[in-house]
């Protein structure tokens, strides 16, 4: 299982209600179901991935988080997970609002466009970067909104969203993010992982 998923799973409390938004083929959901809580559901846009999840015995509905989260009542989940998808929505602000309405807490992970490799690539090659955590070319990337760890921090501050836990992942290394080390973490991390609440 991916290191990112292990960290997400460690933030989910035992026997809580969990919604995995954009759950893909259900890898994270399966782990949560088998190890943390059996009250886990998913929403996924890809019909193919929905079928994979169902074949694993997982409860998943086909839907687009941008337009279909409204069907869930307020605070219907303890944790809502959104893994590396926020930057791919047309309106990430609306999606984040919905996550924090539907869930008491949200776990959001973002690929960090502020990583030094991304900056170097742009500076010296003059092209949009292709890295391990950002594997697509500019013309076929699902990423519509380039966001850094610092951008996400500033955005949450503006929206008065509280950080319960902020983590920076660089390959296998996981470090806490605070306002004091934000610049360094933004420069050296591939991924930001945030446990947030309204």
C-alpha atoms as a PDB file:
ATOM      1  CA  UNK A   1       0.000   0.000   0.000  1.00  0.00           C
ATOM      2  CA  UNK A   2       1.182   3.534  -0.793  1.00  0.00           C
ATOM      3  CA  UNK A   3       2.843   5.465   2.036  1.00  0.00           C
ATOM      4  CA  UNK A   4       0.252   8.239   1.564  1.00  0.00           C
ATOM      5  CA  UNK A   5      -2.586   5.770   2.235  1.00  0.00           C
ATOM      6  CA  UNK A   6      -0.871   4.447   5.375  1.00  0.00           C
ATOM      7  CA  UNK A   7      -0.672   8.009   6.724  1.00  0.00           C
ATOM      8  CA  UNK A   8      -4.318   8.723   5.832  1.00  0.00           C
ATOM      9  CA  UNK A   9      -5.391   5.483   7.534  1.00  0.00           C
ATOM     10  CA  UNK A  10      -3.428   6.427  10.671  1.00  0.00           C
ATOM     11  CA  UNK A  11      -5.495   9.651  10.928  1.00  0.00           C
ATOM     12  CA  UNK A  12      -8.841   7.788  10.838  1.00  0.00           C
ATOM     13  CA  UNK A  13     -10.169   6.765  14.244  1.00  0.00           C
ATOM     14  CA  UNK A  14     -11.432   3.252  14.941  1.00  0.00           C
ATOM     15  CA  UNK A  15     -15.099   2.428  14.246  1.00  0.00           C
ATOM     16  CA  UNK A  16     -15.981   5.823  12.749  1.00  0.00           C
ATOM     17  CA  UNK A  17     -18.050   6.629   9.648  1.00  0.00           C
ATOM     18  CA  UNK A  18     -15.772   7.258   6.642  1.00  0.00           C
ATOM     19  CA  UNK A  19     -16.424   8.528   3.107  1.00  0.00           C
ATOM     20  CA  UNK A  20     -13.655   8.165   0.507  1.00  0.00           C
ATOM     21  CA  UNK A  21     -14.274  10.748  -2.227  1.00  0.00           C
ATOM     22  CA  UNK A  22     -12.730   9.708  -5.530  1.00  0.00           C
ATOM     23  CA  UNK A  23     -11.947   6.292  -4.072  1.00  0.00           C
ATOM     24  CA  UNK A  24     -10.378   4.901  -7.262  1.00  0.00           C
ATOM     25  CA  UNK A  25     -10.144   1.102  -7.268  1.00  0.00           C
ATOM     26  CA  UNK A  26     -10.840   0.954  -3.519  1.00  0.00           C
ATOM     27  CA  UNK A  27      -7.312   0.236  -2.249  1.00  0.00           C
ATOM     28  CA  UNK A  28      -7.572   2.687   0.672  1.00  0.00           C
ATOM     29  CA  UNK A  29     -11.206   1.788   1.381  1.00  0.00           C
ATOM     30  CA  UNK A  30     -10.326  -1.922   1.582  1.00  0.00           C
ATOM     31  CA  UNK A  31      -7.577  -1.217   4.092  1.00  0.00           C
ATOM     32  CA  UNK A  32      -9.854   0.972   6.243  1.00  0.00           C
ATOM     33  CA  UNK A  33     -12.651  -1.628   6.048  1.00  0.00           C
ATOM     34  CA  UNK A  34     -10.365  -4.500   7.070  1.00  0.00           C
ATOM     35  CA  UNK A  35      -8.372  -2.683   9.756  1.00  0.00           C
ATOM     36  CA  UNK A  36     -10.131   0.423  11.104  1.00  0.00           C
ATOM     37  CA  UNK A  37     -13.846   0.720  10.432  1.00  0.00           C
ATOM     38  CA  UNK A  38     -16.434  -1.287   8.543  1.00  0.00           C
ATOM     39  CA  UNK A  39     -18.624   1.799   8.143  1.00  0.00           C
ATOM     40  CA  UNK A  40     -16.803   3.045   5.033  1.00  0.00           C
ATOM     41  CA  UNK A  41     -18.318   4.222   1.758  1.00  0.00           C
ATOM     42  CA  UNK A  42     -16.964   5.638  -1.477  1.00  0.00           C
ATOM     43  CA  UNK A  43     -17.960   7.910  -4.320  1.00  0.00           C
ATOM     44  CA  UNK A  44     -16.127   7.483  -7.632  1.00  0.00           C
ATOM     45  CA  UNK A  45     -16.600   9.014 -11.098  1.00  0.00           C
ATOM     46  CA  UNK A  46     -15.115   6.110 -13.095  1.00  0.00           C
ATOM     47  CA  UNK A  47     -17.597   3.321 -13.870  1.00  0.00           C
ATOM     48  CA  UNK A  48     -14.691   0.879 -14.246  1.00  0.00           C
ATOM     49  CA  UNK A  49     -13.314   1.723 -10.779  1.00  0.00           C
ATOM     50  CA  UNK A  50     -16.812   1.494  -9.247  1.00  0.00           C
ATOM     51  CA  UNK A  51     -17.041  -2.068 -10.625  1.00  0.00           C
ATOM     52  CA  UNK A  52     -13.618  -2.923  -9.137  1.00  0.00           C
ATOM     53  CA  UNK A  53     -14.743  -1.627  -5.732  1.00  0.00           C
ATOM     54  CA  UNK A  54     -18.027  -3.528  -5.849  1.00  0.00           C
ATOM     55  CA  UNK A  55     -16.175  -6.731  -6.808  1.00  0.00           C
ATOM     56  CA  UNK A  56     -14.141  -6.267  -3.593  1.00  0.00           C
ATOM     57  CA  UNK A  57     -17.375  -6.078  -1.588  1.00  0.00           C
ATOM     58  CA  UNK A  58     -17.099  -2.309  -0.979  1.00  0.00           C
ATOM     59  CA  UNK A  59     -20.027   0.123  -0.853  1.00  0.00           C
ATOM     60  CA  UNK A  60     -19.429   2.661  -3.619  1.00  0.00           C
ATOM     61  CA  UNK A  61     -21.695   4.901  -5.663  1.00  0.00           C
ATOM     62  CA  UNK A  62     -20.882   6.279  -9.080  1.00  0.00           C
ATOM     63  CA  UNK A  63     -20.829  10.059  -8.931  1.00  0.00           C
ATOM     64  CA  UNK A  64     -18.910  13.287  -9.348  1.00  0.00           C
ATOM     65  CA  UNK A  65     -17.829  14.882  -6.065  1.00  0.00           C
ATOM     66  CA  UNK A  66     -18.202  18.319  -7.628  1.00  0.00           C
ATOM     67  CA  UNK A  67     -21.918  17.863  -8.234  1.00  0.00           C
ATOM     68  CA  UNK A  68     -23.062  14.884  -6.136  1.00  0.00           C
ATOM     69  CA  UNK A  69     -21.881  15.475  -2.550  1.00  0.00           C
ATOM     70  CA  UNK A  70     -25.026  17.552  -1.922  1.00  0.00           C
ATOM     71  CA  UNK A  71     -27.016  14.304  -1.540  1.00  0.00           C
ATOM     72  CA  UNK A  72     -25.285  13.528   1.769  1.00  0.00           C
ATOM     73  CA  UNK A  73     -26.722  15.181   4.917  1.00  0.00           C
ATOM     74  CA  UNK A  74     -24.635  17.527   7.095  1.00  0.00           C
ATOM     75  CA  UNK A  75     -22.100  15.736   9.329  1.00  0.00           C
ATOM     76  CA  UNK A  76     -23.136  12.314   8.014  1.00  0.00           C
ATOM     77  CA  UNK A  77     -19.510  11.091   8.269  1.00  0.00           C
ATOM     78  CA  UNK A  78     -16.821  11.436  10.922  1.00  0.00           C
ATOM     79  CA  UNK A  79     -14.055  11.524   8.284  1.00  0.00           C
ATOM     80  CA  UNK A  80     -14.188  12.419   4.602  1.00  0.00           C
ATOM     81  CA  UNK A  81     -11.063  11.572   2.589  1.00  0.00           C
ATOM     82  CA  UNK A  82      -9.988  13.334  -0.619  1.00  0.00           C
ATOM     83  CA  UNK A  83      -6.669  12.013  -1.911  1.00  0.00           C
ATOM     84  CA  UNK A  84      -4.781  14.032  -4.566  1.00  0.00           C
ATOM     85  CA  UNK A  85      -7.952  15.165  -6.320  1.00  0.00           C
ATOM     86  CA  UNK A  86      -8.668  18.709  -5.072  1.00  0.00           C
ATOM     87  CA  UNK A  87      -6.503  20.291  -7.775  1.00  0.00           C
ATOM     88  CA  UNK A  88      -8.432  18.442 -10.522  1.00  0.00           C
ATOM     89  CA  UNK A  89     -11.832  20.026  -9.773  1.00  0.00           C
ATOM     90  CA  UNK A  90     -13.213  23.026 -11.646  1.00  0.00           C
ATOM     91  CA  UNK A  91     -14.226  24.567  -8.322  1.00  0.00           C
ATOM     92  CA  UNK A  92     -12.013  23.211  -5.514  1.00  0.00           C
ATOM     93  CA  UNK A  93     -13.359  25.775  -3.031  1.00  0.00           C
ATOM     94  CA  UNK A  94     -16.921  24.462  -3.446  1.00  0.00           C
ATOM     95  CA  UNK A  95     -15.711  20.848  -3.092  1.00  0.00           C
ATOM     96  CA  UNK A  96     -13.801  21.681   0.104  1.00  0.00           C
ATOM     97  CA  UNK A  97     -16.898  23.409   1.523  1.00  0.00           C
ATOM     98  CA  UNK A  98     -18.940  20.286   0.750  1.00  0.00           C
ATOM     99  CA  UNK A  99     -16.332  17.954   2.324  1.00  0.00           C
ATOM    100  CA  UNK A 100     -16.451  19.968   5.551  1.00  0.00           C
ATOM    101  CA  UNK A 101     -20.254  20.026   5.496  1.00  0.00           C
ATOM    102  CA  UNK A 102     -20.655  16.277   4.913  1.00  0.00           C
ATOM    103  CA  UNK A 103     -17.816  15.288   7.252  1.00  0.00           C
ATOM    104  CA  UNK A 104     -16.997  16.424  10.779  1.00  0.00           C
ATOM    105  CA  UNK A 105     -13.345  16.246   9.697  1.00  0.00           C
ATOM    106  CA  UNK A 106     -11.689  15.998   6.287  1.00  0.00           C
ATOM    107  CA  UNK A 107      -8.382  14.454   5.274  1.00  0.00           C
ATOM    108  CA  UNK A 108      -7.090  16.171   2.142  1.00  0.00           C
ATOM    109  CA  UNK A 109      -3.870  15.344   0.316  1.00  0.00           C
ATOM    110  CA  UNK A 110      -2.385  17.513  -2.427  1.00  0.00           C
ATOM    111  CA  UNK A 111       0.584  17.080  -4.763  1.00  0.00           C
ATOM    112  CA  UNK A 112       2.949  19.974  -4.013  1.00  0.00           C
ATOM    113  CA  UNK A 113       3.677  22.183  -7.018  1.00  0.00           C
ATOM    114  CA  UNK A 114       6.120  24.124  -4.792  1.00  0.00           C
ATOM    115  CA  UNK A 115       8.613  21.209  -4.595  1.00  0.00           C
ATOM    116  CA  UNK A 116      12.161  22.171  -5.613  1.00  0.00           C
ATOM    117  CA  UNK A 117      12.190  19.727  -8.562  1.00  0.00           C
ATOM    118  CA  UNK A 118       9.107  21.426  -9.989  1.00  0.00           C
ATOM    119  CA  UNK A 119      10.699  24.864  -9.555  1.00  0.00           C
ATOM    120  CA  UNK A 120      14.025  23.782 -11.113  1.00  0.00           C
ATOM    121  CA  UNK A 121      12.273  22.146 -14.069  1.00  0.00           C
ATOM    122  CA  UNK A 122      10.320  25.305 -14.802  1.00  0.00           C
ATOM    123  CA  UNK A 123      13.317  27.593 -14.216  1.00  0.00           C
ATOM    124  CA  UNK A 124      15.897  25.757 -16.330  1.00  0.00           C
ATOM    125  CA  UNK A 125      13.898  23.747 -18.855  1.00  0.00           C
ATOM    126  CA  UNK A 126      11.097  26.269 -19.203  1.00  0.00           C
ATOM    127  CA  UNK A 127       8.541  23.447 -19.359  1.00  0.00           C
ATOM    128  CA  UNK A 128       5.821  22.213 -17.038  1.00  0.00           C
ATOM    129  CA  UNK A 129       7.426  19.601 -14.781  1.00  0.00           C
ATOM    130  CA  UNK A 130       6.936  15.846 -14.929  1.00  0.00           C
ATOM    131  CA  UNK A 131       7.886  14.170 -11.638  1.00  0.00           C
ATOM    132  CA  UNK A 132       6.984  10.988  -9.743  1.00  0.00           C
ATOM    133  CA  UNK A 133       4.133  12.751  -7.926  1.00  0.00           C
ATOM    134  CA  UNK A 134       3.147  14.791 -11.038  1.00  0.00           C
ATOM    135  CA  UNK A 135       3.524  12.195 -13.819  1.00  0.00           C
ATOM    136  CA  UNK A 136       1.458  13.876 -16.583  1.00  0.00           C
ATOM    137  CA  UNK A 137       2.429  16.216 -19.394  1.00  0.00           C
ATOM    138  CA  UNK A 138       0.780  19.671 -19.457  1.00  0.00           C
ATOM    139  CA  UNK A 139      -1.664  18.573 -22.200  1.00  0.00           C
ATOM    140  CA  UNK A 140      -2.973  15.409 -20.520  1.00  0.00           C
ATOM    141  CA  UNK A 141      -2.808  16.338 -16.834  1.00  0.00           C
ATOM    142  CA  UNK A 142      -6.003  16.122 -14.780  1.00  0.00           C
ATOM    143  CA  UNK A 143      -4.645  19.003 -12.653  1.00  0.00           C
ATOM    144  CA  UNK A 144      -6.532  22.223 -13.346  1.00  0.00           C
ATOM    145  CA  UNK A 145      -5.332  24.221 -10.338  1.00  0.00           C
ATOM    146  CA  UNK A 146      -1.634  24.204  -9.517  1.00  0.00           C
ATOM    147  CA  UNK A 147      -1.442  24.354  -5.724  1.00  0.00           C
ATOM    148  CA  UNK A 148       1.466  24.332  -3.280  1.00  0.00           C
ATOM    149  CA  UNK A 149       1.480  23.359   0.403  1.00  0.00           C
ATOM    150  CA  UNK A 150       1.828  27.069   1.198  1.00  0.00           C
ATOM    151  CA  UNK A 151      -1.147  27.928  -1.063  1.00  0.00           C
ATOM    152  CA  UNK A 152      -3.308  25.382   0.758  1.00  0.00           C
ATOM    153  CA  UNK A 153      -2.204  26.721   4.154  1.00  0.00           C
ATOM    154  CA  UNK A 154      -3.028  30.308   3.117  1.00  0.00           C
ATOM    155  CA  UNK A 155      -6.369  29.246   1.630  1.00  0.00           C
ATOM    156  CA  UNK A 156      -7.436  27.445   4.835  1.00  0.00           C
ATOM    157  CA  UNK A 157      -6.352  30.444   6.922  1.00  0.00           C
ATOM    158  CA  UNK A 158      -8.488  32.733   4.769  1.00  0.00           C
ATOM    159  CA  UNK A 159     -11.487  30.389   5.071  1.00  0.00           C
ATOM    160  CA  UNK A 160     -10.961  29.950   8.837  1.00  0.00           C
ATOM    161  CA  UNK A 161     -10.500  26.201   8.414  1.00  0.00           C
ATOM    162  CA  UNK A 162      -8.664  24.614  11.361  1.00  0.00           C
ATOM    163  CA  UNK A 163      -5.657  22.335  10.931  1.00  0.00           C
ATOM    164  CA  UNK A 164      -5.728  19.387  13.336  1.00  0.00           C
ATOM    165  CA  UNK A 165      -2.675  17.799  11.725  1.00  0.00           C
ATOM    166  CA  UNK A 166      -0.480  18.924   8.810  1.00  0.00           C
ATOM    167  CA  UNK A 167       2.093  16.555   7.368  1.00  0.00           C
ATOM    168  CA  UNK A 168       4.635  16.777   4.566  1.00  0.00           C
ATOM    169  CA  UNK A 169       5.607  13.620   2.716  1.00  0.00           C
ATOM    170  CA  UNK A 170       8.855  13.408   0.755  1.00  0.00           C
ATOM    171  CA  UNK A 171       9.401   9.880  -0.573  1.00  0.00           C
ATOM    172  CA  UNK A 172       9.374   7.857   2.680  1.00  0.00           C
ATOM    173  CA  UNK A 173      10.018  10.768   5.050  1.00  0.00           C
ATOM    174  CA  UNK A 174       7.052  12.273   6.948  1.00  0.00           C
ATOM    175  CA  UNK A 175       7.391  15.566   8.839  1.00  0.00           C
ATOM    176  CA  UNK A 176       5.020  17.913  10.623  1.00  0.00           C
ATOM    177  CA  UNK A 177       4.211  21.239   8.986  1.00  0.00           C
ATOM    178  CA  UNK A 178       3.875  24.398  11.066  1.00  0.00           C
ATOM    179  CA  UNK A 179       3.837  28.108  10.234  1.00  0.00           C
ATOM    180  CA  UNK A 180       7.497  28.255  11.329  1.00  0.00           C
ATOM    181  CA  UNK A 181       8.758  25.566   8.906  1.00  0.00           C
ATOM    182  CA  UNK A 182       6.170  26.124   6.139  1.00  0.00           C
ATOM    183  CA  UNK A 183       8.713  27.543   3.646  1.00  0.00           C
ATOM    184  CA  UNK A 184      11.081  24.584   4.065  1.00  0.00           C
ATOM    185  CA  UNK A 185       8.335  21.952   3.917  1.00  0.00           C
ATOM    186  CA  UNK A 186       6.891  23.655   0.816  1.00  0.00           C
ATOM    187  CA  UNK A 187      10.305  23.478  -0.870  1.00  0.00           C
ATOM    188  CA  UNK A 188      11.245  19.875  -0.017  1.00  0.00           C
ATOM    189  CA  UNK A 189       7.945  17.920   0.024  1.00  0.00           C
ATOM    190  CA  UNK A 190       6.205  15.972  -2.742  1.00  0.00           C
ATOM    191  CA  UNK A 191       2.868  15.845  -0.973  1.00  0.00           C
ATOM    192  CA  UNK A 192       0.891  17.647   1.726  1.00  0.00           C
ATOM    193  CA  UNK A 193      -1.488  15.670   3.958  1.00  0.00           C
ATOM    194  CA  UNK A 194      -3.957  17.675   6.050  1.00  0.00           C
ATOM    195  CA  UNK A 195      -6.511  16.729   8.685  1.00  0.00           C
ATOM    196  CA  UNK A 196      -8.878  19.708   8.839  1.00  0.00           C
ATOM    197  CA  UNK A 197     -12.210  20.806  10.315  1.00  0.00           C
ATOM    198  CA  UNK A 198     -14.466  23.852  10.180  1.00  0.00           C
END
